[in-house]
Amino acid sequence: MTLTLGMITVDTTDAMPLARWWTEQLGGTIEQENDGWYVIVGLPGLAQKISFQKVPDPSPGKNRLHLDLTTPDLEAETDRLIAAGAGVVVRHEMPSGFRWNVLSDPDGNQFCVSGTHSV
């Protein structure tokens, strides 16, 4: 048996605004709105999707699953995300020079952004 990643789903109390925010950040398109309770976003060049599911009370605390995103210009992209409404959780740098920032989206879901330099 083989599993295939079809979608990553994020719980939220208001799916449409969070889906729009991530669509703008990732250059995606909203493919299905489902009356705002389950919004599916297609991402450029990927078969996999990201979705946003309306729930009455998302799990409190740090999310157990998060997105790891890469960019050639870590500082510029971090600044752009902050200007778009992301929050900074922590900035990391390893002795090897590999750097990444833990940010949070407008709902408080954490995600990582790293430079394209490998560890």
N, C-alpha and C. Protein backbone atom coordinates (compact mmCIF):
# COMPACT_ATOMS: atom_id res chain seq x y z
N MET A 1 0.84 -1.18 0.00
CA MET A 1 0.00 0.00 0.00
C MET A 1 0.88 1.24 0.00
N THR A 2 0.46 2.26 -0.74
CA THR A 2 1.20 3.51 -0.82
C THR A 2 0.27 4.67 -0.50
N LEU A 3 0.74 5.59 0.30
CA LEU A 3 -0.02 6.80 0.61
C LEU A 3 0.50 7.93 -0.24
N THR A 4 -0.38 8.84 -0.60
CA THR A 4 -0.01 10.04 -1.35
C THR A 4 -0.55 11.24 -0.61
N LEU A 5 0.28 12.24 -0.43
CA LEU A 5 -0.18 13.47 0.22
C LEU A 5 -1.08 14.22 -0.74
N GLY A 6 -2.33 14.38 -0.34
CA GLY A 6 -3.29 15.09 -1.17
C GLY A 6 -3.50 16.52 -0.73
N MET A 7 -3.45 16.74 0.60
CA MET A 7 -3.77 18.06 1.11
C MET A 7 -3.27 18.21 2.54
N ILE A 8 -2.92 19.42 2.90
CA ILE A 8 -2.62 19.77 4.28
C ILE A 8 -3.77 20.66 4.73
N THR A 9 -4.39 20.31 5.86
CA THR A 9 -5.56 21.03 6.34
C THR A 9 -5.24 21.77 7.63
N VAL A 10 -5.66 23.02 7.69
CA VAL A 10 -5.45 23.88 8.85
C VAL A 10 -6.81 24.18 9.47
N ASP A 11 -6.95 23.91 10.77
CA ASP A 11 -8.18 24.25 11.48
C ASP A 11 -8.18 25.74 11.82
N THR A 12 -9.33 26.36 11.72
CA THR A 12 -9.47 27.78 12.01
C THR A 12 -10.93 28.08 12.35
N THR A 13 -11.17 29.17 13.07
CA THR A 13 -12.54 29.56 13.36
C THR A 13 -13.16 30.37 12.22
N ASP A 14 -12.35 30.82 11.26
CA ASP A 14 -12.84 31.61 10.14
C ASP A 14 -12.01 31.26 8.90
N ALA A 15 -12.46 30.26 8.15
CA ALA A 15 -11.66 29.67 7.08
C ALA A 15 -11.37 30.62 5.91
N MET A 16 -12.33 31.40 5.48
CA MET A 16 -12.13 32.20 4.27
C MET A 16 -11.03 33.25 4.42
N PRO A 17 -11.01 34.07 5.48
CA PRO A 17 -9.94 35.07 5.58
C PRO A 17 -8.55 34.43 5.68
N LEU A 18 -8.42 33.33 6.41
CA LEU A 18 -7.12 32.68 6.53
C LEU A 18 -6.71 32.05 5.20
N ALA A 19 -7.65 31.46 4.48
CA ALA A 19 -7.36 30.91 3.15
C ALA A 19 -6.90 32.01 2.20
N ARG A 20 -7.56 33.15 2.24
CA ARG A 20 -7.15 34.28 1.38
C ARG A 20 -5.73 34.75 1.73
N TRP A 21 -5.43 34.82 3.04
CA TRP A 21 -4.10 35.26 3.46
C TRP A 21 -3.03 34.32 2.90
N TRP A 22 -3.22 33.00 3.08
CA TRP A 22 -2.25 32.03 2.59
C TRP A 22 -2.20 32.01 1.06
N THR A 23 -3.34 32.22 0.40
CA THR A 23 -3.36 32.28 -1.06
C THR A 23 -2.46 33.41 -1.55
N GLU A 24 -2.54 34.56 -0.90
CA GLU A 24 -1.69 35.70 -1.27
C GLU A 24 -0.22 35.40 -0.99
N GLN A 25 0.08 34.75 0.12
CA GLN A 25 1.48 34.49 0.48
C GLN A 25 2.13 33.44 -0.42
N LEU A 26 1.36 32.44 -0.85
CA LEU A 26 1.92 31.33 -1.63
C LEU A 26 1.63 31.43 -3.13
N GLY A 27 0.93 32.48 -3.55
CA GLY A 27 0.63 32.63 -4.97
C GLY A 27 -0.37 31.59 -5.47
N GLY A 28 -1.23 31.12 -4.59
CA GLY A 28 -2.20 30.09 -4.95
C GLY A 28 -3.52 30.67 -5.42
N THR A 29 -4.47 29.78 -5.62
CA THR A 29 -5.82 30.19 -6.01
C THR A 29 -6.83 29.39 -5.19
N ILE A 30 -7.89 30.06 -4.82
CA ILE A 30 -8.97 29.37 -4.11
C ILE A 30 -9.74 28.56 -5.14
N GLU A 31 -9.77 27.24 -4.93
CA GLU A 31 -10.42 26.33 -5.87
C GLU A 31 -11.83 25.98 -5.45
N GLN A 32 -12.08 25.88 -4.14
CA GLN A 32 -13.42 25.60 -3.63
C GLN A 32 -13.64 26.39 -2.35
N GLU A 33 -14.82 26.99 -2.25
CA GLU A 33 -15.15 27.79 -1.06
C GLU A 33 -16.04 27.04 -0.08
N ASN A 34 -16.92 26.17 -0.56
CA ASN A 34 -17.80 25.37 0.30
C ASN A 34 -18.47 26.20 1.40
N ASP A 35 -19.03 27.32 1.01
CA ASP A 35 -19.72 28.24 1.93
C ASP A 35 -18.84 28.69 3.09
N GLY A 36 -17.53 28.70 2.89
CA GLY A 36 -16.61 29.19 3.91
C GLY A 36 -16.30 28.23 5.03
N TRP A 37 -16.81 27.01 4.98
CA TRP A 37 -16.52 26.07 6.07
C TRP A 37 -15.35 25.14 5.74
N TYR A 38 -15.02 24.97 4.44
CA TYR A 38 -13.88 24.15 4.05
C TYR A 38 -13.35 24.71 2.74
N VAL A 39 -12.32 25.52 2.83
CA VAL A 39 -11.80 26.24 1.67
C VAL A 39 -10.54 25.53 1.18
N ILE A 40 -10.52 25.21 -0.12
CA ILE A 40 -9.39 24.48 -0.72
C ILE A 40 -8.60 25.43 -1.62
N VAL A 41 -7.27 25.45 -1.40
CA VAL A 41 -6.38 26.33 -2.14
C VAL A 41 -5.41 25.47 -2.97
N GLY A 42 -5.36 25.76 -4.26
CA GLY A 42 -4.38 25.13 -5.15
C GLY A 42 -3.10 25.95 -5.15
N LEU A 43 -1.98 25.25 -5.21
CA LEU A 43 -0.67 25.91 -5.18
C LEU A 43 0.03 25.74 -6.51
N PRO A 44 0.71 26.77 -6.99
CA PRO A 44 1.34 26.69 -8.31
C PRO A 44 2.38 25.58 -8.38
N GLY A 45 2.26 24.75 -9.41
CA GLY A 45 3.24 23.70 -9.66
C GLY A 45 3.12 22.47 -8.78
N LEU A 46 2.09 22.40 -7.93
CA LEU A 46 1.95 21.26 -7.02
C LEU A 46 0.59 20.59 -7.21
N ALA A 47 0.57 19.28 -7.13
CA ALA A 47 -0.69 18.55 -7.15
C ALA A 47 -1.38 18.65 -5.79
N GLN A 48 -0.57 18.78 -4.73
CA GLN A 48 -1.12 18.85 -3.38
C GLN A 48 -1.76 20.22 -3.14
N LYS A 49 -2.70 20.22 -2.24
CA LYS A 49 -3.44 21.43 -1.92
C LYS A 49 -3.28 21.73 -0.44
N ILE A 50 -3.65 22.95 -0.07
CA ILE A 50 -3.75 23.32 1.34
C ILE A 50 -5.20 23.74 1.56
N SER A 51 -5.77 23.31 2.67
CA SER A 51 -7.17 23.65 2.92
C SER A 51 -7.33 24.23 4.32
N PHE A 52 -8.44 24.91 4.50
CA PHE A 52 -8.73 25.59 5.76
C PHE A 52 -10.13 25.19 6.18
N GLN A 53 -10.22 24.55 7.34
CA GLN A 53 -11.47 23.96 7.81
C GLN A 53 -11.98 24.73 9.02
N LYS A 54 -13.22 25.18 8.91
CA LYS A 54 -13.83 25.92 10.02
C LYS A 54 -14.21 24.96 11.14
N VAL A 55 -13.70 25.25 12.34
CA VAL A 55 -14.00 24.45 13.52
C VAL A 55 -14.42 25.41 14.64
N PRO A 56 -15.20 24.93 15.60
CA PRO A 56 -15.64 25.84 16.67
C PRO A 56 -14.51 26.26 17.60
N ASP A 57 -13.49 25.39 17.79
CA ASP A 57 -12.43 25.70 18.73
C ASP A 57 -11.16 24.95 18.31
N PRO A 58 -10.22 25.61 17.60
CA PRO A 58 -9.00 24.91 17.20
C PRO A 58 -8.19 24.49 18.42
N SER A 59 -7.40 23.47 18.26
CA SER A 59 -6.56 22.98 19.36
C SER A 59 -5.69 24.10 19.89
N PRO A 60 -5.66 24.30 21.21
CA PRO A 60 -4.83 25.37 21.78
C PRO A 60 -3.35 24.99 21.79
N GLY A 61 -2.48 25.98 21.87
CA GLY A 61 -1.04 25.73 21.97
C GLY A 61 -0.39 25.58 20.61
N LYS A 62 0.85 25.15 20.63
CA LYS A 62 1.64 25.00 19.40
C LYS A 62 1.03 23.91 18.52
N ASN A 63 0.89 24.24 17.24
CA ASN A 63 0.38 23.23 16.32
C ASN A 63 1.42 22.12 16.12
N ARG A 64 0.94 20.89 15.96
CA ARG A 64 1.84 19.74 15.82
C ARG A 64 2.33 19.56 14.41
N LEU A 65 1.70 20.13 13.45
CA LEU A 65 2.08 20.04 12.05
C LEU A 65 2.26 21.45 11.54
N HIS A 66 3.33 21.69 10.80
CA HIS A 66 3.52 23.05 10.28
C HIS A 66 4.15 23.00 8.91
N LEU A 67 4.08 24.11 8.21
CA LEU A 67 4.67 24.25 6.89
C LEU A 67 6.12 24.69 7.03
N ASP A 68 7.00 24.11 6.24
CA ASP A 68 8.38 24.56 6.10
C ASP A 68 8.52 25.13 4.70
N LEU A 69 8.74 26.43 4.62
CA LEU A 69 8.84 27.12 3.34
C LEU A 69 10.27 27.60 3.13
N THR A 70 10.71 27.67 1.89
CA THR A 70 12.07 28.14 1.59
C THR A 70 12.01 29.35 0.68
N THR A 71 13.08 30.13 0.73
CA THR A 71 13.18 31.33 -0.09
C THR A 71 14.65 31.66 -0.31
N PRO A 72 15.00 32.25 -1.44
CA PRO A 72 16.39 32.63 -1.65
C PRO A 72 16.83 33.84 -0.81
N ASP A 73 15.87 34.64 -0.32
CA ASP A 73 16.20 35.83 0.47
C ASP A 73 15.38 35.81 1.76
N LEU A 74 15.94 35.17 2.78
CA LEU A 74 15.22 34.96 4.04
C LEU A 74 14.75 36.27 4.67
N GLU A 75 15.63 37.25 4.76
CA GLU A 75 15.25 38.50 5.45
C GLU A 75 14.17 39.26 4.69
N ALA A 76 14.30 39.36 3.38
CA ALA A 76 13.31 40.09 2.59
C ALA A 76 11.95 39.40 2.67
N GLU A 77 11.95 38.07 2.59
CA GLU A 77 10.67 37.35 2.64
C GLU A 77 10.06 37.42 4.03
N THR A 78 10.89 37.35 5.06
CA THR A 78 10.38 37.49 6.43
C THR A 78 9.76 38.87 6.62
N ASP A 79 10.43 39.91 6.15
CA ASP A 79 9.89 41.27 6.24
C ASP A 79 8.56 41.39 5.49
N ARG A 80 8.47 40.77 4.30
CA ARG A 80 7.24 40.83 3.52
C ARG A 80 6.10 40.13 4.27
N LEU A 81 6.38 38.97 4.86
CA LEU A 81 5.35 38.24 5.59
C LEU A 81 4.89 39.01 6.83
N ILE A 82 5.81 39.65 7.52
CA ILE A 82 5.45 40.46 8.69
C ILE A 82 4.56 41.63 8.27
N ALA A 83 4.92 42.28 7.16
CA ALA A 83 4.10 43.39 6.66
C ALA A 83 2.70 42.92 6.25
N ALA A 84 2.60 41.64 5.86
CA ALA A 84 1.30 41.09 5.46
C ALA A 84 0.49 40.57 6.64
N GLY A 85 1.06 40.62 7.84
CA GLY A 85 0.30 40.23 9.03
C GLY A 85 0.85 39.04 9.80
N ALA A 86 1.97 38.49 9.38
CA ALA A 86 2.58 37.38 10.13
C ALA A 86 3.27 37.92 11.37
N GLY A 87 3.41 37.06 12.37
CA GLY A 87 4.14 37.43 13.58
C GLY A 87 5.45 36.64 13.65
N VAL A 88 6.44 37.20 14.33
CA VAL A 88 7.71 36.51 14.53
C VAL A 88 7.65 35.75 15.85
N VAL A 89 7.93 34.45 15.80
CA VAL A 89 7.98 33.63 17.01
C VAL A 89 9.43 33.57 17.49
N VAL A 90 10.34 33.17 16.61
CA VAL A 90 11.76 33.10 16.96
C VAL A 90 12.60 33.01 15.67
N ARG A 91 13.81 33.52 15.74
CA ARG A 91 14.77 33.42 14.63
C ARG A 91 15.88 32.48 15.08
N HIS A 92 16.29 31.59 14.16
CA HIS A 92 17.33 30.60 14.48
C HIS A 92 18.49 30.71 13.51
N GLU A 93 19.71 30.40 14.01
CA GLU A 93 20.87 30.26 13.15
C GLU A 93 21.77 29.18 13.71
N MET A 94 22.15 28.23 12.84
CA MET A 94 23.04 27.16 13.24
C MET A 94 24.49 27.59 12.99
N PRO A 95 25.46 26.97 13.67
CA PRO A 95 26.87 27.30 13.43
C PRO A 95 27.28 27.15 11.96
N SER A 96 26.60 26.27 11.24
CA SER A 96 26.92 26.08 9.82
C SER A 96 26.49 27.26 8.96
N GLY A 97 25.71 28.18 9.54
CA GLY A 97 25.20 29.31 8.78
C GLY A 97 23.77 29.15 8.31
N PHE A 98 23.21 27.95 8.46
CA PHE A 98 21.82 27.72 8.07
C PHE A 98 20.91 28.52 9.01
N ARG A 99 19.99 29.29 8.42
CA ARG A 99 19.09 30.13 9.21
C ARG A 99 17.65 29.85 8.84
N TRP A 100 16.77 29.98 9.83
CA TRP A 100 15.34 29.90 9.59
C TRP A 100 14.61 30.71 10.65
N ASN A 101 13.42 31.16 10.27
CA ASN A 101 12.58 31.93 11.17
C ASN A 101 11.27 31.19 11.38
N VAL A 102 10.84 31.14 12.62
CA VAL A 102 9.52 30.60 12.94
C VAL A 102 8.58 31.80 13.01
N LEU A 103 7.55 31.77 12.19
CA LEU A 103 6.57 32.85 12.13
C LEU A 103 5.20 32.28 12.47
N SER A 104 4.21 33.15 12.61
CA SER A 104 2.83 32.71 12.81
C SER A 104 1.93 33.46 11.85
N ASP A 105 0.92 32.76 11.34
CA ASP A 105 -0.04 33.40 10.45
C ASP A 105 -1.05 34.19 11.29
N PRO A 106 -1.99 34.90 10.68
CA PRO A 106 -2.93 35.71 11.46
C PRO A 106 -3.77 34.94 12.48
N ASP A 107 -3.88 33.61 12.34
CA ASP A 107 -4.60 32.80 13.31
C ASP A 107 -3.69 32.23 14.39
N GLY A 108 -2.39 32.52 14.31
CA GLY A 108 -1.44 32.02 15.29
C GLY A 108 -0.81 30.68 14.94
N ASN A 109 -1.12 30.12 13.76
CA ASN A 109 -0.50 28.88 13.32
C ASN A 109 0.95 29.14 12.95
N GLN A 110 1.86 28.37 13.53
CA GLN A 110 3.28 28.58 13.27
C GLN A 110 3.72 27.91 11.98
N PHE A 111 4.69 28.53 11.31
CA PHE A 111 5.31 27.97 10.12
C PHE A 111 6.75 28.46 10.06
N CYS A 112 7.59 27.73 9.34
CA CYS A 112 9.01 28.07 9.26
C CYS A 112 9.35 28.57 7.86
N VAL A 113 10.25 29.54 7.83
CA VAL A 113 10.79 30.04 6.56
C VAL A 113 12.30 29.96 6.67
N SER A 114 12.92 29.30 5.70
CA SER A 114 14.38 29.18 5.72
C SER A 114 14.96 29.66 4.41
N GLY A 115 16.27 29.95 4.46
CA GLY A 115 16.99 30.23 3.23
C GLY A 115 17.16 28.93 2.47
N THR A 116 17.60 29.02 1.23
CA THR A 116 17.73 27.82 0.42
C THR A 116 19.03 27.09 0.67
N HIS A 117 19.89 27.62 1.55
CA HIS A 117 21.13 26.96 1.94
C HIS A 117 20.78 25.69 2.70
N SER A 118 21.40 24.58 2.36
CA SER A 118 21.10 23.32 3.05
C SER A 118 21.99 23.17 4.28
N VAL A 119 21.53 22.34 5.23
CA VAL A 119 22.27 22.09 6.47
C VAL A 119 23.50 21.26 6.18
